[in-house]
Protein backbone atom coordinates (compact mmCIF):
# COMPACT_ATOMS: atom_id res chain seq x y z
CA MET A 1 -52.28 -35.26 57.57
CA ALA A 2 -55.47 -35.75 55.51
CA ALA A 3 -55.08 -36.05 51.75
CA SER A 4 -55.66 -32.91 49.71
CA LEU A 5 -58.34 -32.76 47.03
CA LYS A 6 -57.82 -31.37 43.55
CA ILE A 7 -60.59 -29.02 42.39
CA LEU A 8 -61.24 -27.20 39.12
CA VAL A 9 -63.27 -23.98 38.92
CA CYS A 10 -64.30 -22.09 35.77
CA GLY A 11 -66.00 -18.77 35.02
CA ASP A 12 -69.01 -18.04 32.79
CA VAL A 13 -69.30 -20.88 30.28
CA CYS A 14 -72.02 -19.12 28.24
CA GLY A 15 -72.72 -22.26 26.24
CA LYS A 16 -69.13 -22.87 25.09
CA PHE A 17 -69.19 -26.46 26.28
CA ASN A 18 -66.77 -27.91 23.74
CA ILE A 19 -64.10 -25.33 24.58
CA LEU A 20 -64.62 -25.93 28.30
CA TYR A 21 -64.48 -29.71 28.24
CA GLY A 22 -61.71 -29.74 25.65
CA ARG A 23 -59.60 -27.77 28.12
CA VAL A 24 -60.63 -30.08 30.97
CA ARG A 25 -59.60 -33.17 28.99
CA ASN A 26 -56.16 -31.69 28.41
CA ILE A 27 -55.81 -31.04 32.14
CA LEU A 28 -56.92 -34.58 33.00
CA LYS A 29 -54.36 -36.06 30.61
CA LYS A 30 -51.65 -34.55 32.81
CA ASN A 31 -53.37 -35.23 36.12
CA LYS A 32 -56.36 -37.53 36.52
CA ASP A 33 -56.87 -36.81 40.19
CA PHE A 34 -59.22 -33.82 39.91
CA GLU A 35 -62.41 -34.53 41.85
CA ILE A 36 -64.94 -32.03 40.49
CA LEU A 37 -65.44 -28.96 38.30
CA LEU A 38 -67.33 -26.01 39.80
CA CYS A 39 -68.86 -23.52 37.34
CA VAL A 40 -69.67 -19.98 38.49
CA GLY A 41 -71.68 -17.43 36.52
CA SER A 42 -73.79 -18.29 33.46
CA PHE A 43 -73.37 -21.89 32.33
CA PHE A 44 -75.71 -21.78 29.34
CA GLY A 45 -75.69 -19.53 26.30
CA THR A 46 -78.48 -18.15 24.13
CA SER A 47 -77.07 -18.83 20.65
CA LYS A 48 -78.17 -21.63 18.32
CA GLU A 49 -74.63 -22.97 18.34
CA SER A 50 -74.55 -23.35 22.12
CA GLU A 51 -77.98 -24.99 22.03
CA LYS A 52 -76.69 -27.51 19.49
CA GLU A 53 -73.59 -28.23 21.59
CA TRP A 54 -75.69 -28.85 24.68
CA GLU A 55 -77.98 -31.21 22.78
CA ALA A 56 -74.97 -33.40 22.03
CA TYR A 57 -74.22 -33.77 25.74
CA MET A 58 -77.87 -34.38 26.53
CA THR A 59 -78.12 -37.24 24.03
CA GLY A 60 -74.78 -38.75 24.99
CA SER A 61 -73.02 -38.22 21.67
CA SER A 62 -70.62 -35.97 23.62
CA SER A 63 -69.47 -36.90 27.14
CA VAL A 64 -68.66 -34.84 30.20
CA PRO A 65 -65.22 -35.95 31.49
CA ILE A 66 -65.58 -34.78 35.11
CA PRO A 67 -68.43 -34.37 37.62
CA THR A 68 -69.60 -30.79 37.04
CA TYR A 69 -71.58 -28.64 39.46
CA LEU A 70 -73.11 -25.38 38.31
CA LEU A 71 -75.10 -22.43 39.58
CA GLY A 72 -78.56 -21.44 38.37
CA PRO A 73 -79.60 -18.99 35.66
CA THR A 74 -78.76 -15.31 35.81
CA GLU A 75 -81.04 -14.31 32.93
CA LYS A 76 -84.55 -15.31 31.91
CA GLN A 77 -83.32 -16.66 28.56
CA GLU A 78 -81.44 -19.43 30.37
CA MET A 79 -84.48 -20.71 32.27
CA SER A 80 -85.54 -23.29 29.67
CA TYR A 81 -82.38 -25.34 30.26
CA PHE A 82 -83.48 -25.95 33.86
CA SER A 83 -87.04 -27.09 33.08
CA SER A 84 -86.29 -30.75 33.85
CA VAL A 85 -85.25 -30.09 37.47
CA SER A 86 -86.43 -28.15 40.49
CA LEU A 87 -85.21 -24.55 40.36
CA GLU A 88 -85.12 -24.50 44.14
CA ASN A 89 -83.42 -27.79 44.88
CA GLY A 90 -81.48 -28.56 41.71
CA GLY A 91 -80.86 -31.90 40.03
CA GLU A 92 -78.99 -33.69 37.25
CA LEU A 93 -79.23 -31.96 33.87
CA CYS A 94 -77.34 -34.65 32.00
CA GLU A 95 -74.82 -37.34 32.90
CA ASN A 96 -72.09 -35.80 35.09
CA VAL A 97 -73.66 -32.30 35.06
CA THR A 98 -75.58 -31.26 38.19
CA TYR A 99 -77.38 -28.01 38.93
CA LEU A 100 -76.82 -27.34 42.65
CA GLY A 101 -80.00 -25.34 43.32
CA ARG A 102 -80.71 -21.74 44.27
CA LYS A 103 -78.81 -21.83 47.56
CA GLY A 104 -77.39 -24.32 49.98
CA ILE A 105 -74.34 -26.19 51.19
CA LEU A 106 -72.90 -29.21 49.41
CA LYS A 107 -70.98 -31.60 51.64
CA THR A 108 -68.84 -34.15 49.83
CA GLN A 109 -67.89 -37.59 51.11
CA SER A 110 -64.39 -36.30 51.76
CA GLY A 111 -65.76 -33.65 54.15
CA LEU A 112 -65.43 -30.65 51.81
CA GLN A 113 -68.13 -28.02 52.42
CA ILE A 114 -69.20 -25.87 49.46
CA ALA A 115 -71.77 -23.10 49.89
CA TYR A 116 -73.53 -21.83 46.76
CA LEU A 117 -75.79 -18.91 45.85
CA SER A 118 -77.32 -18.77 42.37
CA GLY A 119 -78.50 -15.76 40.39
CA VAL A 120 -77.96 -12.03 40.75
CA GLU A 121 -79.19 -9.69 43.47
CA LYS A 122 -82.58 -8.05 42.97
CA SER A 123 -84.64 -6.90 45.92
CA ASP A 124 -87.68 -5.62 44.01
CA ALA A 125 -89.76 -7.91 41.77
CA PRO A 126 -87.21 -10.76 41.58
CA GLU A 127 -87.81 -13.40 38.92
CA GLU A 128 -87.88 -16.92 40.28
CA GLY A 129 -84.63 -18.72 39.61
CA CYS A 130 -82.71 -15.74 38.17
CA HIS A 131 -82.35 -13.58 41.26
CA PHE A 132 -81.68 -13.79 44.97
CA THR A 133 -82.93 -11.53 47.76
CA GLU A 134 -82.04 -10.86 51.38
CA ASP A 135 -84.39 -13.67 52.41
CA ASP A 136 -82.36 -16.13 50.34
CA VAL A 137 -79.14 -14.99 51.98
CA MET A 138 -80.70 -15.23 55.44
CA SER A 139 -81.90 -18.75 54.65
CA LEU A 140 -78.41 -19.81 53.63
CA GLU A 141 -76.85 -18.17 56.69
CA SER A 142 -79.35 -19.95 58.93
CA GLN A 143 -77.76 -23.26 57.95
CA CYS A 144 -74.59 -22.12 59.72
CA GLN A 145 -75.99 -21.06 63.10
CA ASP A 146 -74.52 -23.90 65.09
CA GLU A 147 -72.15 -22.80 67.86
CA SER A 148 -69.49 -25.13 66.46
CA PHE A 149 -69.55 -23.42 63.04
CA LYS A 150 -66.06 -22.21 62.11
CA GLY A 151 -66.47 -21.45 58.42
CA LEU A 152 -66.62 -23.20 55.06
CA ASP A 153 -64.12 -24.47 52.53
CA ILE A 154 -65.59 -22.88 49.41
CA LEU A 155 -68.27 -20.32 48.51
CA ILE A 156 -69.37 -19.95 44.89
CA SER A 157 -71.60 -17.15 43.65
CA SER A 158 -72.30 -15.58 40.29
CA CYS A 159 -72.01 -12.05 41.70
CA TRP A 160 -68.87 -10.51 43.10
CA PRO A 161 -69.04 -9.28 46.70
CA LYS A 162 -69.22 -5.49 46.81
CA GLY A 163 -66.10 -3.79 48.15
CA VAL A 164 -63.86 -6.82 47.68
CA SER A 165 -60.85 -4.79 46.51
CA GLN A 166 -60.70 -2.65 49.66
CA PHE A 167 -57.13 -2.80 51.10
CA ALA A 168 -55.92 -4.85 48.13
CA ASN A 169 -54.79 -4.88 44.52
CA GLN A 170 -57.40 -3.45 42.14
CA PRO A 171 -58.98 -5.49 39.31
CA GLU A 172 -58.14 -4.39 35.77
CA GLY A 173 -61.05 -3.33 33.60
CA VAL A 174 -63.62 -3.29 36.40
CA ASP A 175 -64.79 -0.49 38.68
CA PRO A 176 -65.01 -2.30 42.04
CA ASP A 177 -67.28 0.41 43.46
CA SER A 178 -69.96 -0.02 40.81
CA CYS A 179 -70.14 -3.80 40.63
CA GLY A 180 -70.92 -6.54 43.08
CA SER A 181 -73.57 -7.32 45.67
CA LYS A 182 -73.70 -6.15 49.30
CA LEU A 183 -75.66 -9.29 50.14
CA VAL A 184 -72.82 -11.44 48.81
CA SER A 185 -70.38 -9.38 50.92
CA ARG A 186 -72.54 -10.09 53.95
CA LEU A 187 -72.68 -13.78 53.06
CA ALA A 188 -68.89 -13.91 52.78
CA GLU A 189 -68.60 -12.24 56.19
CA ASN A 190 -70.91 -14.69 57.92
CA LEU A 191 -69.90 -17.92 56.15
CA ARG A 192 -66.15 -17.21 56.22
CA PRO A 193 -65.15 -19.37 53.24
CA ARG A 194 -61.51 -20.24 52.69
CA TYR A 195 -62.04 -19.72 48.96
CA HIS A 196 -64.67 -17.55 47.29
CA PHE A 197 -65.17 -17.83 43.53
CA ALA A 198 -67.33 -15.59 41.31
CA SER A 199 -67.59 -14.46 37.69
CA ARG A 200 -69.87 -12.26 35.50
CA GLU A 201 -67.52 -9.25 35.26
CA GLY A 202 -65.49 -10.68 32.38
CA VAL A 203 -62.10 -10.43 34.09
CA HIS A 204 -59.69 -12.56 36.04
CA TYR A 205 -58.93 -11.16 39.48
CA GLU A 206 -57.12 -12.81 42.38
CA ARG A 207 -57.36 -10.72 45.50
CA ALA A 208 -54.74 -10.95 48.22
CA PRO A 209 -56.09 -13.12 51.07
CA TYR A 210 -57.94 -11.28 53.82
CA ARG A 211 -58.39 -11.89 57.53
CA ASN A 212 -61.64 -13.08 59.10
CA HIS A 213 -60.65 -11.75 62.51
CA GLN A 214 -59.36 -8.53 64.02
CA VAL A 215 -55.78 -8.73 65.19
CA ILE A 216 -55.29 -8.76 68.98
CA ARG A 217 -59.01 -8.28 69.66
CA GLU A 218 -60.09 -11.68 68.31
CA ALA A 219 -58.71 -15.19 68.13
CA ALA A 220 -56.95 -15.99 64.86
CA GLN A 221 -59.08 -17.54 62.12
CA HIS A 222 -58.39 -18.82 58.63
CA VAL A 223 -58.07 -16.35 55.77
CA THR A 224 -60.31 -16.02 52.70
CA ARG A 225 -59.03 -15.96 49.12
CA PHE A 226 -61.35 -14.33 46.57
CA ILE A 227 -60.87 -15.33 42.93
CA ALA A 228 -62.91 -14.04 39.99
CA LEU A 229 -62.69 -15.83 36.65
CA ALA A 230 -63.24 -14.60 33.11
CA GLN A 231 -65.59 -16.04 30.49
CA VAL A 232 -64.68 -19.38 28.92
CA GLY A 233 -63.00 -18.97 25.52
CA ASN A 234 -62.74 -15.17 25.78
CA PRO A 235 -60.79 -13.53 22.89
CA ASP A 236 -58.38 -11.74 25.24
CA LYS A 237 -57.26 -15.08 26.69
CA LYS A 238 -58.00 -13.95 30.23
CA LYS A 239 -57.82 -16.75 32.76
CA TYR A 240 -61.10 -18.62 33.07
CA MET A 241 -59.96 -21.87 34.71
CA TYR A 242 -58.50 -22.26 38.18
CA ALA A 243 -56.99 -25.45 39.59
CA PHE A 244 -56.05 -25.87 43.23
CA ASN A 245 -55.51 -28.35 46.04
CA ILE A 246 -57.44 -28.17 49.28
CA VAL A 247 -57.62 -30.19 52.49
CA PRO A 248 -61.14 -30.03 53.99
CA MET A 249 -61.02 -27.83 57.06
CA VAL A 250 -62.71 -30.53 59.15
CA SER A 251 -59.56 -32.63 58.64
CA MET A 252 -57.04 -29.88 59.37
CA ASP A 253 -55.13 -29.08 62.51
CA LYS A 254 -56.28 -25.70 63.80
CA SER A 255 -52.77 -24.25 63.97
CA GLU A 256 -52.26 -25.11 60.31
CA LEU A 257 -55.70 -23.81 59.33
CA VAL A 258 -55.25 -20.35 60.84
CA LYS A 259 -51.75 -19.66 59.51
CA GLN A 260 -51.59 -16.14 58.08
CA PRO A 261 -49.79 -15.64 54.75
CA PRO A 262 -47.36 -12.70 54.49
CA ASP A 263 -49.57 -10.78 52.03
CA VAL A 264 -52.76 -11.01 54.12
CA THR A 265 -54.90 -7.86 54.37
CA GLU A 266 -57.64 -6.62 56.66
CA PHE A 267 -61.27 -7.69 56.22
CA PRO A 268 -62.53 -5.68 53.20
CA TYR A 269 -66.30 -5.50 53.68
CA ARG A 270 -66.63 -3.56 56.93
CA LYS A 271 -67.19 -0.20 55.23
CA VAL A 272 -69.72 -1.61 52.75
CA LEU A 273 -71.68 -3.47 55.40
CA SER A 274 -71.70 -0.60 57.87
CA SER A 275 -73.36 1.60 55.23
CA SER A 276 -75.94 -1.01 54.24
CA ASP A 277 -79.56 -0.07 54.86
CA MET A 278 -81.54 -3.22 55.43
CA ASN A 279 -84.91 -1.46 55.36
CA THR A 280 -84.91 -0.53 59.03
CA ALA A 281 -88.01 1.65 58.69
CA ASP A 282 -90.16 -1.25 57.50
CA LYS A 283 -88.84 -3.48 60.27
CA ARG A 284 -89.58 -0.77 62.82
CA THR A 285 -93.22 -0.58 61.71
CA ASP A 286 -93.57 -4.35 61.99
CA ILE A 287 -91.93 -4.37 65.43
CA GLN A 288 -94.17 -1.57 66.71
CA GLN A 289 -97.23 -3.56 65.67
CA GLN A 290 -95.97 -6.65 67.46
CA ALA A 291 -94.65 -4.88 70.55
CA THR A 292 -98.10 -4.32 72.03
CA ALA A 293 -99.33 -7.76 71.07
CA SER A 294 -97.08 -10.47 72.40
CA GLY A 295 -93.87 -12.20 71.65
CA GLN A 296 -91.38 -14.77 72.59
CA ASN A 297 -88.14 -14.73 74.49
CA PHE A 298 -85.88 -11.73 74.80
CA PHE A 299 -82.84 -10.24 76.40
CA PHE A 300 -79.59 -11.70 77.41
CA ASP A 301 -78.67 -15.18 78.44
CA MET A 302 -77.27 -14.65 81.91
CA ASN A 303 -76.00 -18.24 81.92
CA ASN A 304 -73.17 -16.98 79.74
CA THR A 305 -70.09 -17.17 81.93
CA GLY A 306 -68.12 -14.60 80.06
CA PRO A 307 -66.90 -13.39 76.70
CA GLY A 308 -65.63 -16.02 74.34
CA ASN A 309 -63.44 -16.06 71.29
CA LYS A 310 -66.11 -16.58 68.69
CA ARG A 311 -66.11 -13.77 66.22
CA HIS A 312 -69.73 -13.80 65.19
CA ARG A 313 -71.45 -12.68 68.39
CA ASP A 314 -69.79 -11.35 71.55
CA HIS A 315 -71.73 -9.04 73.83
CA GLY A 316 -69.12 -8.52 76.51
CA GLY A 317 -70.92 -8.40 79.85
CA GLU A 318 -74.11 -7.07 81.31
CA ASP A 319 -72.40 -3.82 82.22
CA GLY A 320 -70.96 -3.03 78.83
CA ALA A 321 -67.40 -4.36 78.99
CA ALA A 322 -67.17 -5.10 75.30
CA ASN A 323 -64.28 -6.98 73.78
CA LYS A 324 -64.74 -6.31 70.11
CA GLN A 325 -65.08 -3.62 67.51
CA PRO A 326 -68.51 -4.24 65.97
CA ARG A 327 -69.02 -4.64 62.27
CA GLN A 328 -72.17 -2.61 62.10
CA ARG A 329 -75.14 -3.21 59.85
CA LYS A 330 -78.42 -1.36 59.90
CA GLY A 331 -81.41 -3.60 60.35
CA PRO A 332 -81.55 -6.92 62.20
CA PRO A 333 -79.31 -9.37 60.35
CA PRO A 334 -79.52 -13.15 60.74
CA LEU A 335 -78.06 -14.48 63.95
CA LYS A 336 -75.71 -17.37 64.60
CA GLY A 337 -77.25 -18.23 67.93
CA SER A 338 -79.46 -16.26 70.24
CA CYS A 339 -79.05 -12.52 70.67
CA TRP A 340 -81.15 -11.50 73.61
CA PHE A 341 -81.11 -7.82 72.66
CA CYS A 342 -81.80 -8.05 68.93
CA LEU A 343 -85.30 -7.33 67.66
CA GLY A 344 -84.49 -9.36 64.55
CA SER A 345 -84.30 -12.49 66.70
CA PRO A 346 -87.31 -14.85 66.78
CA GLU A 347 -86.70 -15.22 70.52
CA VAL A 348 -87.46 -11.62 71.45
CA GLU A 349 -90.06 -11.17 74.23
CA LYS A 350 -91.86 -8.28 72.60
CA HIS A 351 -94.32 -7.92 75.47
CA LEU A 352 -91.49 -6.24 77.42
CA VAL A 353 -90.96 -3.58 74.74
CA VAL A 354 -92.51 -0.25 75.74
CA SER A 355 -91.43 2.13 72.95
CA VAL A 356 -89.78 1.80 69.53
CA GLY A 357 -88.02 4.70 67.82
CA ASP A 358 -86.21 5.05 64.50
CA ASP A 359 -82.91 3.59 65.69
CA SER A 360 -83.49 2.30 69.22
CA TYR A 361 -86.15 0.88 71.51
CA VAL A 362 -86.91 0.86 75.25
CA ALA A 363 -87.87 -2.30 77.11
CA LEU A 364 -88.23 -3.44 80.68
CA ALA A 365 -85.28 -5.49 81.91
CA LYS A 366 -85.84 -9.19 82.47
CA GLY A 367 -85.58 -9.68 86.22
CA GLY A 368 -85.15 -5.95 86.81
CA LEU A 369 -83.89 -4.53 90.07
CA VAL A 370 -86.92 -2.23 90.34
CA PRO A 371 -90.15 -1.91 88.30
CA ASP A 372 -88.69 1.04 86.34
CA HIS A 373 -85.44 -0.74 85.41
CA VAL A 374 -85.24 -0.35 81.62
CA LEU A 375 -82.89 -1.10 78.75
CA ILE A 376 -82.32 1.27 75.83
CA CYS A 377 -81.23 -0.90 72.90
CA PRO A 378 -80.42 -0.29 69.23
CA ILE A 379 -82.86 -1.79 66.74
CA ALA A 380 -79.98 -2.84 64.50
CA HIS A 381 -77.84 -5.69 65.74
CA PHE A 382 -74.53 -4.66 67.28
CA GLU A 383 -71.88 -7.12 68.45
CA SER A 384 -71.14 -5.14 71.60
CA THR A 385 -73.03 -3.93 74.65
CA VAL A 386 -71.13 -0.65 74.33
CA LYS A 387 -74.11 0.19 72.14
CA LEU A 388 -76.63 -0.78 74.84
CA THR A 389 -77.58 1.56 77.66
CA GLU A 390 -78.99 0.25 80.92
CA VAL A 391 -80.90 2.72 83.09
CA ILE A 392 -81.75 2.18 86.76
CA PRO A 393 -83.45 4.88 88.88
CA VAL A 394 -81.86 5.48 92.29
CA PRO A 395 -82.75 7.88 95.14
CA ARG A 396 -81.62 11.47 94.59
CA THR A 397 -78.04 11.47 95.80
CA ASP A 398 -75.14 13.83 95.35
CA VAL A 399 -73.09 12.77 92.33
CA GLU A 400 -69.85 12.81 94.31
CA GLU A 401 -71.45 10.52 96.87
CA LEU A 402 -72.51 8.14 94.09
CA LYS A 403 -69.00 8.19 92.69
CA ASP A 404 -67.58 7.32 96.10
CA ILE A 405 -69.92 4.33 96.31
CA PHE A 406 -68.74 3.00 92.95
CA ARG A 407 -65.09 3.68 93.84
CA GLU A 408 -65.48 1.83 97.14
CA HIS A 409 -66.94 -1.24 95.44
CA GLY A 410 -64.34 -0.93 92.71
CA ASP A 411 -61.52 -0.96 95.25
CA PHE A 412 -63.04 -4.05 96.88
CA ASN A 413 -62.96 -5.82 93.49
CA SER A 414 -59.55 -4.38 92.49
CA LEU A 415 -61.19 -2.27 89.78
CA ALA A 416 -59.67 1.19 89.39
CA MET A 417 -62.36 3.80 88.61
CA ARG A 418 -61.29 7.07 86.99
CA ASP A 419 -63.26 10.25 86.31
CA VAL A 420 -64.24 11.19 82.76
CA ALA A 421 -65.48 14.74 82.26
CA ALA A 422 -68.86 15.36 80.66
CA ASN A 423 -67.30 17.00 77.61
CA THR A 424 -64.82 14.16 76.96
CA GLU A 425 -65.67 11.47 74.41
CA LEU A 426 -64.85 7.92 75.42
CA LYS A 427 -62.91 7.32 72.20
CA GLN A 428 -60.45 9.94 73.42
CA VAL A 429 -59.54 7.86 76.47
CA VAL A 430 -60.28 4.29 75.36
CA PRO A 431 -58.60 2.71 72.30
CA ILE A 432 -60.97 1.28 69.70
CA GLY A 433 -61.96 -2.27 70.63
CA ALA A 434 -60.56 -2.11 74.17
CA PRO A 435 -62.92 -3.53 76.84
CA TYR A 436 -64.21 -1.16 79.48
CA PHE A 437 -66.93 -0.51 82.06
CA VAL A 438 -68.53 2.92 82.34
CA VAL A 439 -71.22 4.40 84.57
CA GLU A 440 -72.80 7.75 83.69
CA PHE A 441 -74.56 10.03 86.16
CA ASP A 442 -77.40 12.48 85.57
CA ASN A 443 -74.98 15.41 85.26
CA GLU A 444 -73.27 13.51 82.39
CA GLU A 445 -70.09 12.92 84.39
CA ARG A 446 -68.77 9.37 84.22
CA LEU A 447 -66.59 6.85 85.96
CA LEU A 448 -64.52 4.56 83.77
CA HIS A 449 -62.71 1.29 84.36
CA ARG A 450 -60.39 -0.07 81.68
CA VAL A 451 -60.81 -3.84 81.82
CA SER A 452 -57.44 -5.60 81.76
CA GLN A 453 -58.34 -8.79 83.59
CA LYS A 454 -61.42 -10.76 84.57
CA MET A 455 -64.23 -8.51 85.73
CA PRO A 456 -67.44 -9.50 87.59
CA LEU A 457 -70.24 -9.36 85.02
CA GLN A 458 -72.73 -8.34 87.72
CA PHE A 459 -70.55 -5.52 89.11
CA GLY A 460 -72.85 -2.64 88.16
CA ARG A 461 -75.91 -4.43 89.45
CA GLU A 462 -74.16 -5.34 92.69
CA VAL A 463 -73.29 -1.70 93.37
CA VAL A 464 -76.81 -0.41 92.70
CA ALA A 465 -78.38 -3.20 94.78
CA SER A 466 -75.97 -2.63 97.69
CA SER A 467 -77.01 -1.20 101.05
CA SER A 468 -75.43 2.11 100.02
CA LEU A 469 -78.06 2.66 97.30
CA LEU A 470 -81.20 0.56 96.80
CA ASN A 471 -80.48 -1.88 99.65
CA LEU A 472 -81.80 -4.85 97.69
CA PRO A 473 -79.25 -7.59 98.45
CA ASP A 474 -81.75 -10.31 97.55
CA ARG A 475 -82.11 -8.91 94.01
CA VAL A 476 -78.48 -8.97 92.88
CA ASN A 477 -79.08 -12.11 90.82
CA TRP A 478 -81.63 -11.44 88.08
CA LYS A 479 -82.89 -15.03 88.30
CA ASP A 480 -84.18 -14.27 91.80
CA CYS A 481 -86.23 -11.41 90.35
CA LYS A 482 -88.11 -13.24 87.61
CA VAL A 483 -91.89 -13.00 87.51
CA SER A 484 -94.53 -14.65 85.35
CA GLU A 485 -95.19 -13.48 81.81
CA ASP A 486 -98.61 -12.16 82.83
CA GLU A 487 -96.96 -10.07 85.54
CA GLU A 488 -94.37 -8.82 83.04
CA LYS A 489 -97.16 -7.73 80.68
CA LYS A 490 -98.84 -5.80 83.50
CA MET A 491 -95.54 -4.12 84.42
CA ALA A 492 -94.91 -3.16 80.80
CA ALA A 493 -98.42 -1.74 80.43
CA THR A 494 -97.98 0.28 83.63
CA PHE A 495 -94.65 1.69 82.52
CA ARG A 496 -95.99 2.41 79.02
CA LYS A 497 -98.85 4.41 80.54
CA LYS A 498 -96.52 6.43 82.80
CA PHE A 499 -94.07 7.02 79.95
CA LYS A 500 -96.74 8.04 77.42
CA PRO A 501 -96.49 11.85 78.02
CA TYR A 502 -92.77 11.69 77.18
CA ASP A 503 -92.90 9.17 74.32
CA PHE A 504 -92.18 11.19 71.16
CA ASN A 505 -92.66 8.03 69.06
CA LEU A 506 -96.42 8.29 69.60
CA GLY A 507 -96.62 11.65 67.88
């Protein structure tokens, strides 16, 4: 097994350098094997005394006993201490003291991965260096889009994540509902650190570890431990230093990495993130302007052979057999890989979009069965095609006859189809997170199949294209139905013109 590394982490230093490094020296006397010291929160102070102490380290009359990495300023008064380095990219402030930068991922020679986010959240009029915005978080998340990404060893931020105490022990002296940042919660969700350290609230708080997966519905993943530290040298003697051993996850056996401790809790940020409003209205306006212009590549990757075990993006199948309970967020969040439905993706073919509403949009299907084959998709990103409706016009046929056609094809594929009345909600007959396929008819009656084994992803399309309905056997595979982009633009314009009298978004 790979050797473990010894790491020190401290809370807000606030210019009390002598107290900090005096404590570190005492620790090193007992154990010299500590690799680094990570400082979260405010490193510098604003008093004359702290300025004098720092000057001693700058000139070399006082020495730093351990490589120290710190976050950026949280207040304007601290900015002057960072004048010798780039606020964006960081740099050495004095011997053995390094400012990491505003955001990024530090990878050590031993393979340890440490993500960092400086400053405090401020969406309106942020001051350079002191604050972070959604764009900063998206930029950091974009560094972890690779399909092989499994998480990080450590995340350090000045701000607490909002909602961190959900399902767990409550911090003393802090109202968890009034402090913290939703953006940091989102970052913790997407980066999945094994350890997350923060400060600024003046208390020590060790949360019970939480899961980064949903039991049964998702493959097991490592847990996250959140630890908040108090201010260095605080009069109440609250814990401000944390020492621990860690083996870089790149060197760990997966079975060891994903072991679940007995006190593990559920993921705490789902409620906070589902209520987040990422300025959907502004994004809608921008999308509407682009929809009639042009765009890039959109819709689903039909080369996907089936649902996988990766937590971050699983869209079930073309027909809506979803495998996972989505963690919902309003507004298009950053993507780890391509999402062919998400308007927040740079790969969206906006020339196929025909109408954009407040919460959803309508677009022609790529390689549609017929010219009027459309998709009704949510603007916000959802990790399940349960939230996506596919509409295909068929000749007027008695509903019972249509049901018989689906049942016949279902029997052929060993898929049991059951009736669901129009006044019955699916959640009454399908457990949360359970995969299923459903087809709805124009009288609002439905047929439902509970997926318990492998299901053909093209099943719905095969039925509609069969000789019993559209009789288009050569159009079962969407790849056989592709046309040029110019032709797609003409088709979208034609549909937009026909749909105009019914498009309430034009009012």
